[in-house]
């Protein structure tokens, strides 16, 4: 397991910060420049979270290997 780096927050921390940003923007108490700054920060967290999820998916695919059989949506895997 990798150590936590405060400059590279975990997915959970990013999602928590996104919730904070959303709450602040929805509160309608920010001026436009502050709202835009928070929006920009939020977009950065979303992009970083997408990258983390993509990396995790690649790792899962690597672990499962090329011989795995994925069930179609709504179907159960044979096994």
PDB file of N, CA and C in Angstrom:
ATOM      1  N   UNK A   1       0.847  -1.179   0.000  1.00  0.00           N
ATOM      2  CA  UNK A   1       0.000   0.000   0.000  1.00  0.00           C
ATOM      3  C   UNK A   1       0.888   1.235   0.000  1.00  0.00           C
ATOM      4  N   UNK A   2       0.502   2.250  -0.756  1.00  0.00           N
ATOM      5  CA  UNK A   2       1.320   3.452  -0.818  1.00  0.00           C
ATOM      6  C   UNK A   2       0.970   4.389   0.322  1.00  0.00           C
ATOM      7  N   UNK A   3       1.950   5.202   0.718  1.00  0.00           N
ATOM      8  CA  UNK A   3       1.716   6.151   1.798  1.00  0.00           C
ATOM      9  C   UNK A   3       0.884   7.320   1.293  1.00  0.00           C
ATOM     10  N   UNK A   4       0.104   7.892   2.177  1.00  0.00           N
ATOM     11  CA  UNK A   4      -0.719   9.038   1.828  1.00  0.00           C
ATOM     12  C   UNK A   4       0.146  10.285   1.688  1.00  0.00           C
ATOM     13  N   UNK A   5      -0.052  10.998   0.605  1.00  0.00           N
ATOM     14  CA  UNK A   5       0.682  12.234   0.340  1.00  0.00           C
ATOM     15  C   UNK A   5      -0.329  13.376   0.351  1.00  0.00           C
ATOM     16  N   UNK A   6      -0.176  14.368   1.223  1.00  0.00           N
ATOM     17  CA  UNK A   6      -1.161  15.452   1.291  1.00  0.00           C
ATOM     18  C   UNK A   6      -1.267  16.250  -0.002  1.00  0.00           C
ATOM     19  N   UNK A   7      -0.235  16.198  -0.851  1.00  0.00           N
ATOM     20  CA  UNK A   7      -0.298  16.896  -2.134  1.00  0.00           C
ATOM     21  C   UNK A   7      -0.985  16.058  -3.205  1.00  0.00           C
ATOM     22  N   UNK A   8      -1.275  14.807  -2.909  1.00  0.00           N
ATOM     23  CA  UNK A   8      -1.932  13.904  -3.842  1.00  0.00           C
ATOM     24  C   UNK A   8      -3.017  13.142  -3.086  1.00  0.00           C
ATOM     25  N   UNK A   9      -4.145  13.805  -2.827  1.00  0.00           N
ATOM     26  CA  UNK A   9      -5.176  13.212  -1.973  1.00  0.00           C
ATOM     27  C   UNK A   9      -5.775  11.933  -2.557  1.00  0.00           C
ATOM     28  N   UNK A  10      -6.266  11.091  -1.664  1.00  0.00           N
ATOM     29  CA  UNK A  10      -6.925   9.857  -2.059  1.00  0.00           C
ATOM     30  C   UNK A  10      -8.267  10.176  -2.717  1.00  0.00           C
ATOM     31  N   UNK A  11      -8.832   9.169  -3.336  1.00  0.00           N
ATOM     32  CA  UNK A  11     -10.142   9.321  -3.964  1.00  0.00           C
ATOM     33  C   UNK A  11     -11.169   9.782  -2.929  1.00  0.00           C
ATOM     34  N   UNK A  12     -11.118   9.193  -1.757  1.00  0.00           N
ATOM     35  CA  UNK A  12     -12.088   9.539  -0.715  1.00  0.00           C
ATOM     36  C   UNK A  12     -11.964  11.001  -0.299  1.00  0.00           C
ATOM     37  N   UNK A  13     -10.714  11.470  -0.173  1.00  0.00           N
ATOM     38  CA  UNK A  13     -10.506  12.874   0.207  1.00  0.00           C
ATOM     39  C   UNK A  13     -10.977  13.806  -0.897  1.00  0.00           C
ATOM     40  N   UNK A  14     -10.728  13.421  -2.140  1.00  0.00           N
ATOM     41  CA  UNK A  14     -11.187  14.246  -3.267  1.00  0.00           C
ATOM     42  C   UNK A  14     -12.717  14.322  -3.287  1.00  0.00           C
ATOM     43  N   UNK A  15     -13.366  13.184  -3.080  1.00  0.00           N
ATOM     44  CA  UNK A  15     -14.831  13.183  -3.074  1.00  0.00           C
ATOM     45  C   UNK A  15     -15.374  14.019  -1.914  1.00  0.00           C
ATOM     46  N   UNK A  16     -14.716  13.937  -0.771  1.00  0.00           N
ATOM     47  CA  UNK A  16     -15.128  14.757   0.370  1.00  0.00           C
ATOM     48  C   UNK A  16     -14.994  16.238   0.066  1.00  0.00           C
ATOM     49  N   UNK A  17     -13.888  16.610  -0.561  1.00  0.00           N
ATOM     50  CA  UNK A  17     -13.678  18.023  -0.915  1.00  0.00           C
ATOM     51  C   UNK A  17     -14.707  18.458  -1.952  1.00  0.00           C
ATOM     52  N   UNK A  18     -15.042  17.581  -2.895  1.00  0.00           N
ATOM     53  CA  UNK A  18     -16.076  17.925  -3.883  1.00  0.00           C
ATOM     54  C   UNK A  18     -17.422  18.191  -3.205  1.00  0.00           C
ATOM     55  N   UNK A  19     -17.739  17.402  -2.182  1.00  0.00           N
ATOM     56  CA  UNK A  19     -18.981  17.644  -1.434  1.00  0.00           C
ATOM     57  C   UNK A  19     -18.952  19.012  -0.753  1.00  0.00           C
ATOM     58  N   UNK A  20     -17.806  19.366  -0.172  1.00  0.00           N
ATOM     59  CA  UNK A  20     -17.664  20.679   0.462  1.00  0.00           C
ATOM     60  C   UNK A  20     -17.846  21.803  -0.555  1.00  0.00           C
ATOM     61  N   UNK A  21     -17.229  21.633  -1.707  1.00  0.00           N
ATOM     62  CA  UNK A  21     -17.328  22.652  -2.761  1.00  0.00           C
ATOM     63  C   UNK A  21     -18.775  22.797  -3.214  1.00  0.00           C
ATOM     64  N   UNK A  22     -19.435  21.683  -3.443  1.00  0.00           N
ATOM     65  CA  UNK A  22     -20.830  21.718  -3.883  1.00  0.00           C
ATOM     66  C   UNK A  22     -21.715  22.416  -2.854  1.00  0.00           C
ATOM     67  N   UNK A  23     -21.507  22.098  -1.590  1.00  0.00           N
ATOM     68  CA  UNK A  23     -22.290  22.737  -0.527  1.00  0.00           C
ATOM     69  C   UNK A  23     -22.065  24.243  -0.521  1.00  0.00           C
ATOM     70  N   UNK A  24     -20.818  24.664  -0.665  1.00  0.00           N
ATOM     71  CA  UNK A  24     -20.505  26.096  -0.661  1.00  0.00           C
ATOM     72  C   UNK A  24     -21.131  26.802  -1.846  1.00  0.00           C
ATOM     73  N   UNK A  25     -21.061  26.183  -3.024  1.00  0.00           N
ATOM     74  CA  UNK A  25     -21.630  26.819  -4.224  1.00  0.00           C
ATOM     75  C   UNK A  25     -23.153  26.865  -4.136  1.00  0.00           C
ATOM     76  N   UNK A  26     -23.760  25.797  -3.642  1.00  0.00           N
ATOM     77  CA  UNK A  26     -25.216  25.759  -3.524  1.00  0.00           C
ATOM     78  C   UNK A  26     -25.738  26.727  -2.468  1.00  0.00           C
ATOM     79  N   UNK A  27     -24.897  27.100  -1.510  1.00  0.00           N
ATOM     80  CA  UNK A  27     -25.335  28.005  -0.444  1.00  0.00           C
ATOM     81  C   UNK A  27     -25.642  29.398  -0.981  1.00  0.00           C
ATOM     82  N   UNK A  28     -25.151  29.697  -2.158  1.00  0.00           N
ATOM     83  CA  UNK A  28     -25.457  30.962  -2.825  1.00  0.00           C
ATOM     84  C   UNK A  28     -24.957  32.168  -2.039  1.00  0.00           C
ATOM     85  N   UNK A  29     -23.887  31.987  -1.259  1.00  0.00           N
ATOM     86  CA  UNK A  29     -23.341  33.079  -0.467  1.00  0.00           C
ATOM     87  C   UNK A  29     -21.990  33.544  -0.983  1.00  0.00           C
ATOM     88  N   UNK A  30     -21.579  33.047  -2.152  1.00  0.00           N
ATOM     89  CA  UNK A  30     -20.276  33.386  -2.709  1.00  0.00           C
ATOM     90  C   UNK A  30     -20.425  34.419  -3.812  1.00  0.00           C
ATOM     91  N   UNK A  31     -19.405  35.265  -3.934  1.00  0.00           N
ATOM     92  CA  UNK A  31     -19.431  36.136  -5.102  1.00  0.00           C
ATOM     93  C   UNK A  31     -18.946  35.310  -6.296  1.00  0.00           C
ATOM     94  N   UNK A  32     -19.089  35.865  -7.474  1.00  0.00           N
ATOM     95  CA  UNK A  32     -18.796  35.125  -8.694  1.00  0.00           C
ATOM     96  C   UNK A  32     -17.355  34.633  -8.750  1.00  0.00           C
ATOM     97  N   UNK A  33     -16.397  35.452  -8.361  1.00  0.00           N
ATOM     98  CA  UNK A  33     -14.991  35.045  -8.452  1.00  0.00           C
ATOM     99  C   UNK A  33     -14.686  33.873  -7.514  1.00  0.00           C
ATOM    100  N   UNK A  34     -15.262  33.874  -6.312  1.00  0.00           N
ATOM    101  CA  UNK A  34     -15.052  32.756  -5.393  1.00  0.00           C
ATOM    102  C   UNK A  34     -15.737  31.491  -5.904  1.00  0.00           C
ATOM    103  N   UNK A  35     -16.932  31.647  -6.461  1.00  0.00           N
ATOM    104  CA  UNK A  35     -17.646  30.497  -7.012  1.00  0.00           C
ATOM    105  C   UNK A  35     -16.863  29.893  -8.172  1.00  0.00           C
ATOM    106  N   UNK A  36     -16.312  30.725  -9.027  1.00  0.00           N
ATOM    107  CA  UNK A  36     -15.522  30.234 -10.158  1.00  0.00           C
ATOM    108  C   UNK A  36     -14.241  29.544  -9.683  1.00  0.00           C
ATOM    109  N   UNK A  37     -13.619  30.098  -8.659  1.00  0.00           N
ATOM    110  CA  UNK A  37     -12.411  29.486  -8.105  1.00  0.00           C
ATOM    111  C   UNK A  37     -12.719  28.095  -7.555  1.00  0.00           C
ATOM    112  N   UNK A  38     -13.826  27.979  -6.821  1.00  0.00           N
ATOM    113  CA  UNK A  38     -14.227  26.679  -6.285  1.00  0.00           C
ATOM    114  C   UNK A  38     -14.613  25.713  -7.400  1.00  0.00           C
ATOM    115  N   UNK A  39     -15.294  26.239  -8.419  1.00  0.00           N
ATOM    116  CA  UNK A  39     -15.669  25.402  -9.551  1.00  0.00           C
ATOM    117  C   UNK A  39     -14.423  24.838 -10.233  1.00  0.00           C
ATOM    118  N   UNK A  40     -13.436  25.692 -10.433  1.00  0.00           N
ATOM    119  CA  UNK A  40     -12.190  25.265 -11.061  1.00  0.00           C
ATOM    120  C   UNK A  40     -11.483  24.191 -10.207  1.00  0.00           C
ATOM    121  N   UNK A  41     -11.466  24.406  -8.901  1.00  0.00           N
ATOM    122  CA  UNK A  41     -10.873  23.411  -8.004  1.00  0.00           C
ATOM    123  C   UNK A  41     -11.630  22.092  -8.110  1.00  0.00           C
ATOM    124  N   UNK A  42     -12.948  22.182  -8.152  1.00  0.00           N
ATOM    125  CA  UNK A  42     -13.779  20.984  -8.253  1.00  0.00           C
ATOM    126  C   UNK A  42     -13.509  20.207  -9.532  1.00  0.00           C
ATOM    127  N   UNK A  43     -13.367  20.912 -10.645  1.00  0.00           N
ATOM    128  CA  UNK A  43     -13.071  20.249 -11.913  1.00  0.00           C
ATOM    129  C   UNK A  43     -11.738  19.513 -11.814  1.00  0.00           C
ATOM    130  N   UNK A  44     -10.765  20.123 -11.159  1.00  0.00           N
ATOM    131  CA  UNK A  44      -9.479  19.464 -10.964  1.00  0.00           C
ATOM    132  C   UNK A  44      -9.612  18.189 -10.158  1.00  0.00           C
ATOM    133  N   UNK A  45     -10.441  18.221  -9.110  1.00  0.00           N
ATOM    134  CA  UNK A  45     -10.658  17.019  -8.298  1.00  0.00           C
ATOM    135  C   UNK A  45     -11.378  15.936  -9.093  1.00  0.00           C
ATOM    136  N   UNK A  46     -12.349  16.322  -9.916  1.00  0.00           N
ATOM    137  CA  UNK A  46     -13.068  15.345 -10.739  1.00  0.00           C
ATOM    138  C   UNK A  46     -12.102  14.673 -11.713  1.00  0.00           C
ATOM    139  N   UNK A  47     -11.284  15.463 -12.375  1.00  0.00           N
ATOM    140  CA  UNK A  47     -10.330  14.894 -13.342  1.00  0.00           C
ATOM    141  C   UNK A  47      -9.333  13.965 -12.650  1.00  0.00           C
ATOM    142  N   UNK A  48      -8.843  14.365 -11.498  1.00  0.00           N
ATOM    143  CA  UNK A  48      -7.901  13.517 -10.764  1.00  0.00           C
ATOM    144  C   UNK A  48      -8.583  12.234 -10.286  1.00  0.00           C
ATOM    145  N   UNK A  49      -9.834  12.333  -9.848  1.00  0.00           N
ATOM    146  CA  UNK A  49     -10.574  11.151  -9.410  1.00  0.00           C
ATOM    147  C   UNK A  49     -10.797  10.194 -10.576  1.00  0.00           C
ATOM    148  N   UNK A  50     -11.123  10.747 -11.748  1.00  0.00           N
ATOM    149  CA  UNK A  50     -11.284   9.908 -12.936  1.00  0.00           C
ATOM    150  C   UNK A  50      -9.989   9.175 -13.258  1.00  0.00           C
ATOM    151  N   UNK A  51      -8.863   9.854 -13.115  1.00  0.00           N
ATOM    152  CA  UNK A  51      -7.566   9.230 -13.385  1.00  0.00           C
ATOM    153  C   UNK A  51      -7.287   8.111 -12.380  1.00  0.00           C
ATOM    154  N   UNK A  52      -7.600   8.343 -11.111  1.00  0.00           N
ATOM    155  CA  UNK A  52      -7.411   7.311 -10.092  1.00  0.00           C
ATOM    156  C   UNK A  52      -8.277   6.087 -10.382  1.00  0.00           C
ATOM    157  N   UNK A  53      -9.525   6.326 -10.776  1.00  0.00           N
ATOM    158  CA  UNK A  53     -10.424   5.217 -11.083  1.00  0.00           C
ATOM    159  C   UNK A  53      -9.966   4.456 -12.321  1.00  0.00           C
ATOM    160  N   UNK A  54      -9.490   5.170 -13.313  1.00  0.00           N
ATOM    161  CA  UNK A  54      -8.981   4.541 -14.526  1.00  0.00           C
ATOM    162  C   UNK A  54      -7.765   3.673 -14.207  1.00  0.00           C
ATOM    163  N   UNK A  55      -6.877   4.195 -13.377  1.00  0.00           N
ATOM    164  CA  UNK A  55      -5.693   3.449 -12.959  1.00  0.00           C
ATOM    165  C   UNK A  55      -6.093   2.187 -12.199  1.00  0.00           C
ATOM    166  N   UNK A  56      -7.084   2.302 -11.334  1.00  0.00           N
ATOM    167  CA  UNK A  56      -7.553   1.147 -10.571  1.00  0.00           C
ATOM    168  C   UNK A  56      -8.166   0.101 -11.503  1.00  0.00           C
ATOM    169  N   UNK A  57      -8.915   0.551 -12.489  1.00  0.00           N
ATOM    170  CA  UNK A  57      -9.524  -0.388 -13.430  1.00  0.00           C
ATOM    171  C   UNK A  57      -8.442  -1.141 -14.221  1.00  0.00           C
ATOM    172  N   UNK A  58      -7.414  -0.413 -14.649  1.00  0.00           N
ATOM    173  CA  UNK A  58      -6.321  -1.057 -15.372  1.00  0.00           C
ATOM    174  C   UNK A  58      -5.637  -2.115 -14.496  1.00  0.00           C
ATOM    175  N   UNK A  59      -5.478  -1.787 -13.229  1.00  0.00           N
ATOM    176  CA  UNK A  59      -4.844  -2.734 -12.304  1.00  0.00           C
ATOM    177  C   UNK A  59      -5.716  -3.977 -12.126  1.00  0.00           C
ATOM    178  N   UNK A  60      -7.021  -3.789 -11.991  1.00  0.00           N
ATOM    179  CA  UNK A  60      -7.947  -4.923 -11.860  1.00  0.00           C
ATOM    180  C   UNK A  60      -7.891  -5.776 -13.120  1.00  0.00           C
ATOM    181  N   UNK A  61      -7.914  -5.126 -14.285  1.00  0.00           N
ATOM    182  CA  UNK A  61      -7.828  -5.872 -15.547  1.00  0.00           C
ATOM    183  C   UNK A  61      -6.530  -6.667 -15.626  1.00  0.00           C
ATOM    184  N   UNK A  62      -5.436  -6.068 -15.160  1.00  0.00           N
ATOM    185  CA  UNK A  62      -4.138  -6.744 -15.165  1.00  0.00           C
ATOM    186  C   UNK A  62      -4.158  -7.955 -14.239  1.00  0.00           C
ATOM    187  N   UNK A  63      -4.756  -7.809 -13.081  1.00  0.00           N
ATOM    188  CA  UNK A  63      -4.821  -8.905 -12.111  1.00  0.00           C
ATOM    189  C   UNK A  63      -5.682 -10.048 -12.641  1.00  0.00           C
ATOM    190  N   UNK A  64      -6.822  -9.703 -13.232  1.00  0.00           N
ATOM    191  CA  UNK A  64      -7.727 -10.735 -13.730  1.00  0.00           C
ATOM    192  C   UNK A  64      -7.166 -11.432 -14.960  1.00  0.00           C
ATOM    193  N   UNK A  65      -6.369 -10.749 -15.734  1.00  0.00           N
ATOM    194  CA  UNK A  65      -5.734 -11.343 -16.900  1.00  0.00           C
ATOM    195  C   UNK A  65      -6.637 -11.410 -18.107  1.00  0.00           C
ATOM    196  N   UNK A  66      -6.069 -11.836 -19.228  1.00  0.00           N
ATOM    197  CA  UNK A  66      -6.811 -11.833 -20.492  1.00  0.00           C
ATOM    198  C   UNK A  66      -7.823 -12.972 -20.625  1.00  0.00           C
ATOM    199  N   UNK A  67      -7.747 -13.988 -19.776  1.00  0.00           N
ATOM    200  CA  UNK A  67      -8.627 -15.150 -19.907  1.00  0.00           C
ATOM    201  C   UNK A  67      -9.939 -15.019 -19.143  1.00  0.00           C
ATOM    202  N   UNK A  68     -10.138 -13.896 -18.524  1.00  0.00           N
ATOM    203  CA  UNK A  68     -11.375 -13.751 -17.750  1.00  0.00           C
ATOM    204  C   UNK A  68     -12.564 -13.601 -18.689  1.00  0.00           C
ATOM    205  N   UNK A  69     -13.721 -14.004 -18.200  1.00  0.00           N
ATOM    206  CA  UNK A  69     -14.957 -13.845 -18.954  1.00  0.00           C
ATOM    207  C   UNK A  69     -15.857 -12.948 -18.125  1.00  0.00           C
ATOM    208  N   UNK A  70     -16.163 -11.797 -18.652  1.00  0.00           N
ATOM    209  CA  UNK A  70     -17.029 -10.862 -17.945  1.00  0.00           C
ATOM    210  C   UNK A  70     -18.474 -11.106 -18.369  1.00  0.00           C
ATOM    211  N   UNK A  71     -19.393 -11.199 -17.401  1.00  0.00           N
ATOM    212  CA  UNK A  71     -20.800 -11.388 -17.766  1.00  0.00           C
ATOM    213  C   UNK A  71     -21.360 -10.129 -18.412  1.00  0.00           C
ATOM    214  N   UNK A  72     -22.306 -10.328 -19.301  1.00  0.00           N
ATOM    215  CA  UNK A  72     -23.024  -9.198 -19.887  1.00  0.00           C
ATOM    216  C   UNK A  72     -23.907  -8.594 -18.811  1.00  0.00           C
ATOM    217  N   UNK A  73     -24.303  -7.355 -18.985  1.00  0.00           N
ATOM    218  CA  UNK A  73     -25.179  -6.713 -18.007  1.00  0.00           C
ATOM    219  C   UNK A  73     -26.426  -7.551 -17.803  1.00  0.00           C
ATOM    220  N   UNK A  74     -26.724  -7.809 -16.540  1.00  0.00           N
ATOM    221  CA  UNK A  74     -27.931  -8.540 -16.196  1.00  0.00           C
ATOM    222  C   UNK A  74     -27.769 -10.043 -16.209  1.00  0.00           C
ATOM    223  N   UNK A  75     -26.621 -10.567 -16.665  1.00  0.00           N
ATOM    224  CA  UNK A  75     -26.402 -12.011 -16.692  1.00  0.00           C
ATOM    225  C   UNK A  75     -25.431 -12.392 -15.586  1.00  0.00           C
ATOM    226  N   UNK A  76     -25.571 -13.621 -15.096  1.00  0.00           N
ATOM    227  CA  UNK A  76     -24.650 -14.125 -14.089  1.00  0.00           C
ATOM    228  C   UNK A  76     -23.493 -14.819 -14.779  1.00  0.00           C
ATOM    229  N   UNK A  77     -22.326 -14.759 -14.140  1.00  0.00           N
ATOM    230  CA  UNK A  77     -21.144 -15.424 -14.694  1.00  0.00           C
ATOM    231  C   UNK A  77     -21.264 -16.934 -14.502  1.00  0.00           C
ATOM    232  N   UNK A  78     -20.781 -17.687 -15.485  1.00  0.00           N
ATOM    233  CA  UNK A  78     -20.725 -19.141 -15.349  1.00  0.00           C
ATOM    234  C   UNK A  78     -19.581 -19.498 -14.423  1.00  0.00           C
ATOM    235  N   UNK A  79     -19.738 -20.497 -13.652  1.00  0.00           N
ATOM    236  CA  UNK A  79     -18.583 -20.818 -12.862  1.00  0.00           C
ATOM    237  C   UNK A  79     -18.861 -21.772 -11.803  1.00  0.00           C
TER     238      UNK A  79
END
